[in-house]
N, C-alpha and C. Protein backbone atom coordinates (compact mmCIF):
# COMPACT_ATOMS: atom_id res chain seq x y z
N MET A 1 0.54 -1.34 -0.11
CA MET A 1 0.27 -0.13 -0.08
C MET A 1 0.76 1.45 -0.06
N ALA A 2 1.01 2.21 -0.82
CA ALA A 2 1.22 2.88 -1.13
C ALA A 2 0.82 4.24 -0.15
N LYS A 3 2.03 4.76 0.69
CA LYS A 3 1.83 5.74 1.59
C LYS A 3 2.09 7.23 1.23
N THR A 4 0.71 7.76 1.05
CA THR A 4 0.80 9.68 1.09
C THR A 4 0.77 10.57 2.26
N LYS A 5 1.47 11.40 2.42
CA LYS A 5 1.11 12.11 3.47
C LYS A 5 0.28 13.19 2.84
N SER A 6 -0.69 13.48 3.76
CA SER A 6 -2.19 14.55 3.22
C SER A 6 -1.91 15.36 5.12
N LYS A 7 -2.36 16.79 4.95
CA LYS A 7 -3.15 17.06 6.37
C LYS A 7 -4.58 16.92 6.32
N PRO A 8 -4.86 16.34 7.63
CA PRO A 8 -6.36 16.31 7.93
C PRO A 8 -7.16 17.43 7.25
N LYS A 9 -8.30 16.94 6.68
CA LYS A 9 -9.51 18.36 6.27
C LYS A 9 -9.78 18.90 7.81
N THR A 10 -10.76 19.99 7.90
CA THR A 10 -11.58 19.99 9.34
C THR A 10 -12.76 20.72 8.12
N ALA A 11 -13.39 19.86 9.31
CA ALA A 11 -14.91 19.61 8.23
C ALA A 11 -15.87 20.56 9.40
N SER A 12 -16.83 20.95 8.88
CA SER A 12 -18.19 21.63 10.32
C SER A 12 -18.77 20.50 10.68
N ARG A 13 -18.98 20.37 11.75
CA ARG A 13 -19.33 19.83 12.80
C ARG A 13 -20.83 19.62 13.03
N GLY A 14 -22.05 20.35 11.87
CA GLY A 14 -23.19 20.79 12.11
C GLY A 14 -23.61 21.76 12.57
N THR A 15 -22.43 22.56 13.55
CA THR A 15 -22.85 23.87 14.25
C THR A 15 -22.54 25.17 13.21
N GLY A 16 -22.07 24.82 12.21
CA GLY A 16 -21.52 25.42 11.13
C GLY A 16 -20.26 26.43 12.16
N LYS A 17 -19.48 25.84 13.09
CA LYS A 17 -18.20 26.26 13.69
C LYS A 17 -17.04 25.06 12.71
N LYS A 18 -15.73 25.60 12.68
CA LYS A 18 -14.87 24.86 12.30
C LYS A 18 -14.08 24.66 13.91
N PRO A 19 -13.79 23.59 14.23
CA PRO A 19 -12.97 22.92 15.44
C PRO A 19 -11.83 23.98 15.59
N SER A 20 -11.63 24.32 16.94
CA SER A 20 -10.70 25.20 16.84
C SER A 20 -9.19 24.49 16.98
N PRO A 21 -8.05 24.89 16.94
CA PRO A 21 -6.84 24.18 17.27
C PRO A 21 -7.09 23.18 18.95
N ALA A 22 -7.47 24.23 19.42
CA ALA A 22 -7.78 23.79 21.06
C ALA A 22 -8.49 22.38 21.11
N ALA A 23 -9.10 22.38 19.84
CA ALA A 23 -9.83 20.87 20.33
C ALA A 23 -8.85 19.58 19.77
N SER A 24 -7.38 19.79 19.41
CA SER A 24 -6.71 18.63 19.30
C SER A 24 -6.45 18.15 21.25
N PRO A 25 -6.40 17.02 21.13
CA PRO A 25 -5.78 16.25 22.34
C PRO A 25 -4.56 16.74 22.37
N ALA A 26 -4.04 16.70 23.65
CA ALA A 26 -3.02 16.96 24.13
C ALA A 26 -1.84 15.43 24.37
N PRO A 27 -0.71 16.04 24.26
CA PRO A 27 0.33 14.80 23.98
C PRO A 27 0.30 14.36 25.50
N ALA A 28 0.34 12.98 25.94
CA ALA A 28 0.32 12.40 26.85
C ALA A 28 1.67 13.24 28.12
N SER A 29 1.35 13.71 29.15
CA SER A 29 2.23 14.65 29.82
C SER A 29 3.47 13.47 30.25
N GLY A 30 4.64 13.50 30.22
CA GLY A 30 5.84 12.66 30.57
C GLY A 30 5.63 12.17 29.40
N ALA A 31 5.30 11.95 28.53
CA ALA A 31 5.52 11.02 27.50
C ALA A 31 7.02 10.48 27.12
N THR A 32 7.04 9.55 27.04
CA THR A 32 8.53 9.22 26.30
C THR A 32 8.04 8.75 24.83
N ARG A 33 9.50 9.19 23.94
CA ARG A 33 9.63 8.72 22.39
C ARG A 33 8.60 7.67 22.08
N ILE A 34 7.59 7.73 21.19
CA ILE A 34 7.01 6.40 20.75
C ILE A 34 7.37 6.36 19.15
N ASP A 35 7.67 4.71 19.00
CA ASP A 35 7.76 4.20 18.06
C ASP A 35 7.00 3.35 17.45
N ILE A 36 5.90 3.21 17.15
CA ILE A 36 5.20 2.35 16.85
C ILE A 36 4.93 1.81 15.35
N GLY A 37 5.68 2.66 14.61
CA GLY A 37 5.50 2.73 13.15
C GLY A 37 4.53 3.23 12.74
N ILE A 38 3.87 4.37 13.22
CA ILE A 38 3.06 5.58 12.88
C ILE A 38 3.94 6.95 12.97
N SER A 39 4.13 7.85 11.93
CA SER A 39 4.62 9.15 12.08
C SER A 39 4.06 10.03 13.05
N GLY A 40 4.79 10.83 14.16
CA GLY A 40 3.92 11.99 15.28
C GLY A 40 2.75 12.42 14.35
N GLN A 41 3.09 13.04 13.13
CA GLN A 41 2.04 13.36 12.68
C GLN A 41 1.01 12.72 12.37
N ASP A 42 1.06 11.66 11.77
CA ASP A 42 -0.47 10.69 11.61
C ASP A 42 -0.96 10.42 13.13
N ARG A 43 -0.18 10.06 13.60
CA ARG A 43 -0.54 9.57 15.35
C ARG A 43 -1.56 11.20 15.99
N LYS A 44 -0.99 12.11 15.90
CA LYS A 44 -1.70 13.24 16.21
C LYS A 44 -2.96 13.33 15.32
N ALA A 45 -2.94 13.07 13.86
CA ALA A 45 -4.07 13.51 13.69
C ALA A 45 -5.27 12.33 13.67
N ILE A 46 -4.88 10.84 13.79
CA ILE A 46 -5.34 10.19 14.18
C ILE A 46 -6.29 10.11 15.50
N SER A 47 -5.51 10.48 16.43
CA SER A 47 -5.85 10.89 17.77
C SER A 47 -6.54 11.78 17.82
N GLN A 48 -7.02 12.96 16.81
CA GLN A 48 -7.81 13.97 16.50
C GLN A 48 -8.64 13.02 15.94
N ASP A 49 -8.90 12.55 15.12
CA ASP A 49 -9.83 11.89 14.55
C ASP A 49 -10.60 11.27 15.66
N LEU A 50 -9.72 10.22 16.13
CA LEU A 50 -10.45 9.59 17.63
C LEU A 50 -11.20 10.22 18.49
N ALA A 51 -10.74 11.50 18.78
CA ALA A 51 -11.24 12.90 20.08
C ALA A 51 -12.56 13.08 19.36
N GLN A 52 -12.46 13.13 18.30
CA GLN A 52 -14.27 13.69 17.32
C GLN A 52 -14.84 12.59 17.86
N PHE A 53 -14.61 11.09 17.33
CA PHE A 53 -15.41 10.12 16.89
C PHE A 53 -15.70 9.62 18.67
N LEU A 54 -14.78 9.55 19.45
CA LEU A 54 -15.42 9.88 20.75
C LEU A 54 -16.15 10.28 21.60
N SER A 55 -16.15 11.53 21.73
CA SER A 55 -17.11 12.95 21.37
C SER A 55 -18.58 12.53 20.97
N ASP A 56 -18.62 12.21 19.49
CA ASP A 56 -19.91 11.66 19.41
C ASP A 56 -20.36 10.21 19.61
N SER A 57 -19.40 9.24 20.53
CA SER A 57 -19.92 8.16 20.72
C SER A 57 -20.27 8.51 22.20
N PHE A 58 -19.71 9.67 22.91
CA PHE A 58 -20.25 9.58 24.17
C PHE A 58 -21.65 10.49 24.48
N THR A 59 -21.55 11.27 23.28
CA THR A 59 -22.93 12.34 23.08
C THR A 59 -24.24 11.36 22.66
N LEU A 60 -23.80 10.46 21.47
CA LEU A 60 -25.07 9.53 21.49
C LEU A 60 -25.28 8.62 22.43
N TYR A 61 -24.32 7.94 23.55
CA TYR A 61 -24.65 6.87 24.50
C TYR A 61 -25.56 7.80 25.48
N LEU A 62 -24.79 9.36 25.77
CA LEU A 62 -25.92 9.89 26.58
C LEU A 62 -27.29 10.34 26.55
N LYS A 63 -27.21 10.42 24.93
CA LYS A 63 -28.45 10.94 24.52
C LYS A 63 -29.81 9.89 24.51
N THR A 64 -29.30 8.26 24.44
CA THR A 64 -30.01 7.09 24.36
C THR A 64 -30.05 6.83 25.70
N HIS A 65 -29.14 7.33 26.87
CA HIS A 65 -29.72 6.76 28.35
C HIS A 65 -30.46 7.62 28.36
N ASN A 66 -30.29 9.00 28.21
CA ASN A 66 -31.73 9.72 28.36
C ASN A 66 -32.88 9.28 27.79
N PHE A 67 -33.03 8.65 26.72
CA PHE A 67 -34.51 8.64 25.90
C PHE A 67 -34.78 7.25 26.75
N HIS A 68 -34.05 6.64 27.31
CA HIS A 68 -34.31 5.00 27.88
C HIS A 68 -35.04 5.71 28.80
N TRP A 69 -34.20 6.68 30.04
CA TRP A 69 -35.35 6.91 31.20
C TRP A 69 -36.44 7.74 30.92
N ASN A 70 -36.93 8.39 29.51
CA ASN A 70 -37.64 9.40 29.60
C ASN A 70 -38.72 8.99 28.15
N VAL A 71 -38.76 7.80 27.78
CA VAL A 71 -39.35 7.64 27.02
C VAL A 71 -40.97 7.37 27.40
N THR A 72 -41.84 7.67 26.52
CA THR A 72 -43.61 7.13 27.44
C THR A 72 -44.03 6.66 25.76
N GLY A 73 -45.42 6.44 26.17
CA GLY A 73 -45.90 5.55 25.01
C GLY A 73 -46.34 4.62 24.75
N PRO A 74 -46.61 4.37 23.77
CA PRO A 74 -47.19 2.63 23.38
C PRO A 74 -46.14 1.73 22.91
N MET A 75 -45.00 2.38 22.88
CA MET A 75 -43.90 1.67 22.75
C MET A 75 -42.58 1.58 23.56
N PHE A 76 -43.20 2.30 24.98
CA PHE A 76 -42.53 2.15 26.18
C PHE A 76 -41.83 0.92 26.37
N ASN A 77 -42.63 -0.46 26.37
CA ASN A 77 -41.70 -1.38 26.91
C ASN A 77 -40.59 -1.59 25.95
N SER A 78 -41.09 -1.83 24.74
CA SER A 78 -39.88 -2.58 23.67
C SER A 78 -38.71 -1.38 23.13
N LEU A 79 -39.28 -0.06 23.93
CA LEU A 79 -37.96 0.84 23.38
C LEU A 79 -37.26 0.94 24.39
N HIS A 80 -37.67 1.14 25.70
CA HIS A 80 -37.22 1.19 27.04
C HIS A 80 -35.71 0.03 26.96
N ALA A 81 -36.53 -1.10 26.51
CA ALA A 81 -35.55 -2.45 26.85
C ALA A 81 -34.37 -1.89 25.02
N MET A 82 -34.42 -1.69 24.26
CA MET A 82 -33.87 -1.16 23.33
C MET A 82 -32.65 -0.36 23.56
N PHE A 83 -32.98 0.86 23.94
CA PHE A 83 -32.30 1.80 24.00
C PHE A 83 -31.62 1.62 25.16
N MET A 84 -31.91 0.39 26.73
CA MET A 84 -31.01 0.13 27.35
C MET A 84 -29.55 -0.99 26.96
N ASP A 85 -29.74 -1.61 25.53
CA ASP A 85 -29.38 -2.69 25.08
C ASP A 85 -28.41 -1.59 24.36
N GLN A 86 -28.90 -0.73 23.65
CA GLN A 86 -27.75 0.06 22.79
C GLN A 86 -26.85 1.02 23.85
N TYR A 87 -27.47 1.44 25.01
CA TYR A 87 -26.38 2.58 25.69
C TYR A 87 -25.77 1.76 26.44
N THR A 88 -25.97 0.41 26.83
CA THR A 88 -24.92 -0.19 27.22
C THR A 88 -23.72 -1.05 26.85
N GLU A 89 -24.16 -1.00 25.35
CA GLU A 89 -23.09 -1.60 24.19
C GLU A 89 -22.33 -0.40 24.37
N GLN A 90 -22.74 0.93 23.99
CA GLN A 90 -21.97 2.25 23.58
C GLN A 90 -21.45 2.12 24.61
N TRP A 91 -21.65 2.20 26.01
CA TRP A 91 -20.89 2.52 27.57
C TRP A 91 -19.46 1.39 27.21
N ASN A 92 -19.59 0.51 27.19
CA ASN A 92 -18.80 -0.54 27.11
C ASN A 92 -17.76 0.10 25.81
N ALA A 93 -17.96 0.59 25.09
CA ALA A 93 -16.93 0.73 23.65
C ALA A 93 -16.39 2.15 24.06
N LEU A 94 -16.66 2.39 24.84
CA LEU A 94 -16.06 4.52 24.94
C LEU A 94 -14.89 3.94 25.29
N ASP A 95 -14.43 2.95 26.27
CA ASP A 95 -13.07 2.89 26.83
C ASP A 95 -12.12 2.32 25.89
N GLU A 96 -12.51 1.61 25.01
CA GLU A 96 -11.90 1.25 23.93
C GLU A 96 -11.21 2.14 22.80
N THR A 97 -11.62 3.20 23.03
CA THR A 97 -11.92 4.36 21.97
C THR A 97 -10.78 5.37 22.38
N ALA A 98 -11.37 5.83 23.87
CA ALA A 98 -10.23 6.24 24.57
C ALA A 98 -8.83 5.57 25.02
N GLU A 99 -8.72 4.43 25.22
CA GLU A 99 -7.65 3.91 25.09
C GLU A 99 -6.43 4.00 24.34
N ARG A 100 -7.41 3.97 22.84
CA ARG A 100 -6.46 3.42 21.55
C ARG A 100 -5.99 5.15 21.57
N ILE A 101 -6.60 5.91 21.90
CA ILE A 101 -6.15 7.50 21.86
C ILE A 101 -4.88 7.31 22.88
N ARG A 102 -4.66 6.94 23.39
CA ARG A 102 -3.81 7.30 24.79
C ARG A 102 -2.58 6.10 24.12
N ALA A 103 -3.09 4.92 23.55
CA ALA A 103 -1.68 4.25 22.90
C ALA A 103 -0.71 4.83 21.69
N LEU A 104 -1.81 5.64 21.38
CA LEU A 104 -1.04 6.49 20.29
C LEU A 104 -0.53 8.16 20.82
N GLY A 105 -0.54 8.17 22.03
CA GLY A 105 0.24 9.04 22.90
C GLY A 105 -0.30 10.14 23.50
N TYR A 106 -1.40 10.31 23.13
CA TYR A 106 -2.25 11.60 23.38
C TYR A 106 -3.66 11.45 24.53
N ASN A 107 -3.97 12.60 25.30
CA ASN A 107 -4.57 12.64 26.04
C ASN A 107 -6.35 12.42 25.23
N ALA A 108 -7.19 11.76 25.83
CA ALA A 108 -8.40 12.11 25.88
C ALA A 108 -9.44 12.45 26.14
N PRO A 109 -10.20 13.19 25.47
CA PRO A 109 -11.37 14.67 25.92
C PRO A 109 -12.19 13.38 27.00
N GLY A 110 -12.30 14.02 28.22
CA GLY A 110 -12.88 13.59 29.33
C GLY A 110 -13.84 14.54 30.04
N SER A 111 -14.62 15.51 29.49
CA SER A 111 -15.29 15.92 29.98
C SER A 111 -16.37 16.79 29.02
N TYR A 112 -17.57 17.09 29.90
CA TYR A 112 -19.02 17.22 28.90
C TYR A 112 -18.66 18.35 27.93
N ALA A 113 -17.50 19.40 28.38
CA ALA A 113 -17.44 21.01 27.46
C ALA A 113 -16.51 20.39 26.50
N GLU A 114 -15.46 19.00 26.59
CA GLU A 114 -14.45 18.64 25.67
C GLU A 114 -16.04 17.94 24.62
N PHE A 115 -16.17 17.35 25.03
CA PHE A 115 -17.25 16.46 24.24
C PHE A 115 -18.35 17.04 23.63
N ILE A 116 -18.74 18.44 24.26
CA ILE A 116 -19.68 18.97 23.68
C ILE A 116 -19.10 19.94 22.36
N ARG A 117 -17.98 20.54 22.59
CA ARG A 117 -16.98 21.26 21.50
C ARG A 117 -16.69 20.22 20.75
N LEU A 118 -16.11 19.42 20.46
CA LEU A 118 -16.10 18.11 19.64
C LEU A 118 -17.11 17.05 18.98
N SER A 119 -18.03 17.22 19.39
CA SER A 119 -19.35 16.51 18.75
C SER A 119 -20.19 16.90 18.11
N SER A 120 -20.65 16.53 17.11
CA SER A 120 -21.56 16.45 16.14
C SER A 120 -22.86 16.46 16.27
N ILE A 121 -23.09 15.62 17.11
CA ILE A 121 -24.57 15.58 17.50
C ILE A 121 -25.16 15.99 18.98
N THR A 122 -25.92 16.94 18.99
CA THR A 122 -26.55 17.95 19.63
C THR A 122 -27.37 16.85 21.24
N GLU A 123 -26.99 17.73 22.22
CA GLU A 123 -27.45 17.16 23.30
C GLU A 123 -29.28 16.88 23.07
N GLU A 124 -29.92 16.57 24.27
CA GLU A 124 -31.10 16.98 24.26
C GLU A 124 -32.13 16.90 25.71
N PRO A 125 -32.36 17.99 25.91
CA PRO A 125 -32.90 18.29 27.37
C PRO A 125 -33.34 16.47 28.30
N GLY A 126 -33.79 16.74 28.96
CA GLY A 126 -34.31 15.46 29.67
C GLY A 126 -35.06 16.00 31.23
N LEU A 127 -34.52 16.64 31.65
CA LEU A 127 -35.56 17.19 33.26
C LEU A 127 -36.61 17.96 32.63
N THR A 128 -36.30 19.22 31.31
CA THR A 128 -37.30 20.00 31.15
C THR A 128 -38.41 19.43 30.54
N GLU A 129 -37.70 19.17 29.38
CA GLU A 129 -39.02 18.20 28.26
C GLU A 129 -38.50 17.24 27.45
N ALA A 130 -38.83 16.32 26.63
CA ALA A 130 -39.06 14.81 26.45
C ALA A 130 -39.52 14.77 25.22
N PRO A 131 -39.08 14.99 24.01
CA PRO A 131 -39.88 14.41 22.22
C PRO A 131 -40.51 13.08 22.67
N ASP A 132 -41.57 13.04 22.27
CA ASP A 132 -41.79 11.41 22.04
C ASP A 132 -41.51 10.84 21.21
N TRP A 133 -41.96 9.37 21.64
CA TRP A 133 -40.89 8.32 20.78
C TRP A 133 -40.64 8.36 19.40
N ARG A 134 -41.62 8.77 19.04
CA ARG A 134 -41.01 8.79 17.28
C ARG A 134 -39.67 9.80 17.07
N GLU A 135 -39.64 11.44 17.58
CA GLU A 135 -38.83 12.06 17.64
C GLU A 135 -37.65 11.29 18.41
N MET A 136 -37.73 10.53 19.13
CA MET A 136 -36.39 9.91 20.26
C MET A 136 -35.96 9.21 19.03
N VAL A 137 -36.61 7.97 18.06
CA VAL A 137 -36.40 7.38 17.43
C VAL A 137 -35.75 7.98 15.98
N ALA A 138 -36.44 8.88 15.81
CA ALA A 138 -35.58 9.78 14.91
C ALA A 138 -34.30 10.33 14.76
N GLN A 139 -33.87 10.46 15.87
CA GLN A 139 -32.86 11.81 16.81
C GLN A 139 -31.63 10.44 16.73
N LEU A 140 -31.73 9.05 17.17
CA LEU A 140 -31.05 8.24 17.62
C LEU A 140 -30.27 8.05 16.47
N VAL A 141 -31.60 7.62 15.45
CA VAL A 141 -30.92 7.31 13.80
C VAL A 141 -30.05 8.29 12.98
N HIS A 142 -30.36 9.67 13.54
CA HIS A 142 -29.29 10.57 13.18
C HIS A 142 -28.18 10.43 13.81
N GLY A 143 -28.03 10.17 15.21
CA GLY A 143 -27.02 10.18 16.55
C GLY A 143 -26.42 9.07 15.76
N ASN A 144 -26.75 7.73 15.41
CA ASN A 144 -26.02 6.95 14.61
C ASN A 144 -25.19 6.97 13.49
N GLU A 145 -26.26 7.62 12.53
CA GLU A 145 -25.31 7.91 11.40
C GLU A 145 -24.30 8.66 11.27
N ALA A 146 -24.48 9.89 12.46
CA ALA A 146 -23.48 10.76 12.51
C ALA A 146 -22.16 10.10 13.19
N VAL A 147 -22.42 9.11 13.85
CA VAL A 147 -21.41 8.56 14.62
C VAL A 147 -20.66 7.55 13.57
N CYS A 148 -21.48 7.17 12.92
CA CYS A 148 -20.71 6.30 11.45
C CYS A 148 -19.79 7.46 10.43
N ARG A 149 -20.50 8.61 10.05
CA ARG A 149 -19.71 9.44 9.53
C ARG A 149 -18.35 9.82 9.71
N THR A 150 -18.10 9.89 11.54
CA THR A 150 -16.90 10.18 12.25
C THR A 150 -16.21 9.36 11.73
N ALA A 151 -16.54 7.80 12.58
CA ALA A 151 -15.74 6.64 12.33
C ALA A 151 -15.13 6.84 10.92
N ARG A 152 -16.09 6.69 9.72
CA ARG A 152 -15.58 6.83 8.17
C ARG A 152 -13.96 7.64 7.76
N LYS A 153 -14.81 8.96 8.16
CA LYS A 153 -13.12 9.76 8.39
C LYS A 153 -12.18 9.62 9.00
N ALA A 154 -12.14 8.88 10.35
CA ALA A 154 -11.19 8.34 10.96
C ALA A 154 -10.65 7.43 10.55
N LEU A 155 -11.35 6.35 9.95
CA LEU A 155 -10.57 4.83 9.80
C LEU A 155 -9.96 5.49 8.40
N ALA A 156 -10.49 6.63 7.14
CA ALA A 156 -9.64 6.80 6.13
C ALA A 156 -8.51 7.06 6.50
N HIS A 157 -8.30 8.00 7.79
CA HIS A 157 -6.90 8.63 7.55
C HIS A 157 -5.84 7.44 8.44
N ALA A 158 -6.47 6.86 9.29
CA ALA A 158 -6.01 5.68 10.20
C ALA A 158 -5.67 4.49 8.90
N ASP A 159 -6.14 4.39 7.84
CA ASP A 159 -5.89 3.45 7.18
C ASP A 159 -5.21 3.60 6.04
N GLU A 160 -4.80 5.16 5.58
CA GLU A 160 -4.30 5.65 5.14
C GLU A 160 -2.38 5.74 5.89
N ALA A 161 -2.84 5.94 7.26
CA ALA A 161 -1.28 5.67 8.11
C ALA A 161 -1.21 4.23 8.24
N GLY A 162 -1.33 3.18 7.88
CA GLY A 162 -0.88 1.68 8.33
C GLY A 162 -1.98 1.70 9.71
N ASP A 163 -2.54 2.77 10.01
CA ASP A 163 -2.94 2.11 11.89
C ASP A 163 -3.86 1.21 11.65
N ASP A 164 -3.42 -0.32 11.73
CA ASP A 164 -4.59 -1.42 11.62
C ASP A 164 -5.40 -1.23 12.74
N PRO A 165 -4.56 -1.09 13.93
CA PRO A 165 -5.53 -1.41 15.26
C PRO A 165 -6.88 -0.07 15.13
N THR A 166 -6.62 0.89 14.94
CA THR A 166 -7.79 1.63 15.00
C THR A 166 -8.43 1.32 13.86
N VAL A 167 -8.17 1.06 12.62
CA VAL A 167 -8.58 0.81 11.63
C VAL A 167 -9.88 -0.70 12.15
N ASP A 168 -9.00 -1.53 12.91
CA ASP A 168 -9.85 -2.39 13.17
C ASP A 168 -11.24 -2.15 14.36
N LEU A 169 -10.74 -1.17 15.31
CA LEU A 169 -11.69 -0.54 16.17
C LEU A 169 -13.00 0.42 15.58
N LEU A 170 -12.63 1.02 14.24
CA LEU A 170 -13.61 1.61 13.87
C LEU A 170 -14.30 1.10 12.80
N THR A 171 -13.73 -0.35 12.16
CA THR A 171 -14.84 -1.09 11.45
C THR A 171 -15.48 -1.69 12.71
N GLN A 172 -15.45 -2.40 13.47
CA GLN A 172 -16.20 -3.06 14.50
C GLN A 172 -17.29 -2.16 14.91
N ARG A 173 -16.67 -0.41 15.05
CA ARG A 173 -17.86 0.60 15.76
C ARG A 173 -18.52 0.41 14.23
N LEU A 174 -18.15 1.10 13.44
CA LEU A 174 -19.77 0.88 12.21
C LEU A 174 -20.76 0.22 12.13
N GLN A 175 -19.91 -1.41 11.83
CA GLN A 175 -20.84 -2.26 12.27
C GLN A 175 -22.58 -2.32 12.87
N VAL A 176 -21.23 -1.97 14.32
CA VAL A 176 -22.59 -1.75 15.56
C VAL A 176 -23.75 -0.61 15.01
N HIS A 177 -23.24 0.58 14.65
CA HIS A 177 -24.01 1.85 14.51
C HIS A 177 -24.99 2.01 13.02
N GLU A 178 -24.15 1.00 11.91
CA GLU A 178 -25.12 0.95 11.35
C GLU A 178 -26.22 0.18 11.42
N LYS A 179 -26.11 -1.15 11.93
CA LYS A 179 -26.99 -1.80 12.83
C LYS A 179 -27.82 -1.15 13.69
N ASN A 180 -27.74 -0.14 14.78
CA ASN A 180 -28.49 -0.04 15.07
C ASN A 180 -29.18 1.31 14.40
N ALA A 181 -28.71 2.07 13.58
CA ALA A 181 -29.24 3.14 12.71
C ALA A 181 -30.81 2.45 11.92
N TRP A 182 -30.23 1.18 11.39
CA TRP A 182 -31.35 0.15 10.83
C TRP A 182 -32.61 -0.13 11.27
N MET A 183 -32.16 -0.52 12.54
CA MET A 183 -32.78 -1.42 13.57
C MET A 183 -34.14 -0.13 14.15
N LEU A 184 -33.85 0.82 14.30
CA LEU A 184 -34.07 2.46 14.86
C LEU A 184 -35.04 3.02 13.44
N ARG A 185 -34.27 3.02 12.63
CA ARG A 185 -34.96 3.46 11.34
C ARG A 185 -36.25 2.37 11.05
N SER A 186 -35.87 0.95 11.00
CA SER A 186 -37.33 0.19 10.92
C SER A 186 -38.27 0.69 11.71
N LEU A 187 -37.99 1.33 12.56
CA LEU A 187 -39.60 1.21 13.70
C LEU A 187 -40.28 2.54 13.53
N LEU A 188 -39.46 3.47 12.48
CA LEU A 188 -40.39 4.76 11.52
C LEU A 188 -41.08 4.55 10.46
N GLN A 189 -41.13 3.04 9.42
CA GLN A 189 -41.22 2.97 8.65
C GLN A 189 -42.69 2.24 8.17
């Protein structure tokens, strides 16, 4: 596979704002030189992509959990259970992504403020209002699709850099989120 160097593109995340340079993960403090066969420039770019992916994934997790708590209506039983299955799986997967960022030598985002700044998915209030079950399902379809788009962007860069562990991680996550989007979408047809 021919390896070409290219600068990662900065894309809009649905907020109309471009991510700031401060959105980059910081190198791990006290880090020693890392020589895993991926250039420092590629490790940084992949870590930035993974930080965005982690932020989208965390925001989708939070939204799914919120909807699990607040769903009402004739679909309550089935959606309550489906949302729990999805948010539990999502929660367990977050750690793998954060640990991959760390393995590449960078800090993972870990605050609500960082997740909000990096995510392309908007949060949904739970305490003051909640959409009806159809709107919840539609939002989760869009959220899973957004995670897929972010994963594909990160996967392309990781593949170009020869970062097979990240490619494998993102391929697995794509399978989960594409399936979740399909299952949720089917409820609206």
